[in-house]
Amino acid sequence: MADRLLTVDEAAERLGTGVRFVRRLIQERRIRYVKLGKPVRIPESAVAAYIEQRTIPSLQEARAARFGKAA
């Protein structure tokens, strides 16, 4: 099934930011987007990937990943 395309407003809402921030991400090509003539849409998967790439693990998660899980 195709990925849902979000408007800039919807992407900003999902990220909890303003529209200007999302437009800057697009301008700097820091997030994938689809250009449909003049309108721009952002795939839901691009928003999820942006969040995932910038999520900092807790110390507990980082230790578990580094040393393996303790029994």
Protein backbone atom coordinates (compact mmCIF):
# COMPACT_ATOMS: atom_id res chain seq x y z
CA MET A 1 0.00 0.00 0.00
CA ALA A 2 1.25 3.50 -0.80
CA ASP A 3 2.56 5.77 1.92
CA ARG A 4 0.13 8.55 2.91
CA LEU A 5 1.32 12.00 1.86
CA LEU A 6 1.04 14.70 4.51
CA THR A 7 0.70 18.42 3.94
CA VAL A 8 3.29 20.69 5.52
CA ASP A 9 0.73 21.61 8.19
CA GLU A 10 0.06 17.93 9.00
CA ALA A 11 3.77 17.14 9.16
CA ALA A 12 4.34 20.09 11.50
CA GLU A 13 1.54 18.84 13.74
CA ARG A 14 3.01 15.31 13.83
CA LEU A 15 6.45 16.71 14.71
CA GLY A 16 5.01 19.12 17.26
CA THR A 17 6.66 22.07 15.52
CA GLY A 18 5.71 25.04 13.44
CA VAL A 19 5.22 25.10 9.70
CA ARG A 20 8.35 27.26 9.27
CA PHE A 21 10.51 24.49 10.75
CA VAL A 22 9.13 21.89 8.33
CA ARG A 23 9.60 24.25 5.39
CA ARG A 24 13.21 24.75 6.48
CA LEU A 25 13.73 20.97 6.64
CA ILE A 26 12.44 20.77 3.07
CA GLN A 27 14.56 23.67 1.87
CA GLU A 28 17.70 22.16 3.42
CA ARG A 29 16.71 18.69 2.12
CA ARG A 30 16.89 17.21 5.60
CA ILE A 31 13.60 15.35 5.09
CA ARG A 32 12.25 13.49 2.06
CA TYR A 33 9.40 15.18 0.23
CA VAL A 34 7.31 14.91 -2.92
CA LYS A 35 6.78 17.90 -5.17
CA LEU A 36 3.41 17.92 -6.93
CA GLY A 37 3.84 21.00 -9.08
CA LYS A 38 3.95 23.81 -6.55
CA PRO A 39 2.47 21.93 -3.57
CA VAL A 40 4.85 19.86 -1.45
CA ARG A 41 3.88 16.70 0.45
CA ILE A 42 5.86 14.67 2.97
CA PRO A 43 5.43 10.89 3.17
CA GLU A 44 4.45 9.58 6.61
CA SER A 45 7.45 7.26 6.48
CA ALA A 46 9.76 10.27 6.02
CA VAL A 47 8.38 11.88 9.18
CA ALA A 48 8.79 8.59 11.08
CA ALA A 49 12.36 8.20 9.77
CA TYR A 50 13.22 11.79 10.73
CA ILE A 51 11.99 11.15 14.28
CA GLU A 52 13.80 7.80 14.50
CA GLN A 53 17.12 9.24 13.29
CA ARG A 54 17.00 12.00 15.86
CA THR A 55 15.80 9.99 18.86
CA ILE A 56 18.45 9.76 21.56
CA PRO A 57 18.32 6.49 23.50
CA SER A 58 18.18 6.54 27.30
CA LEU A 59 21.33 5.52 29.18
CA GLN A 60 19.71 2.20 30.04
CA GLU A 61 18.94 1.47 26.36
CA ALA A 62 22.42 2.53 25.29
CA ARG A 63 24.06 0.26 27.88
CA ALA A 64 21.85 -2.70 26.90
CA ALA A 65 22.75 -2.22 23.23
CA ARG A 66 26.45 -1.85 24.01
CA PHE A 67 26.89 -4.74 26.41
CA GLY A 68 23.98 -7.02 25.53
CA LYS A 69 21.04 -7.71 27.74
CA ALA A 70 21.67 -8.72 31.32
CA ALA A 71 20.01 -11.88 32.55
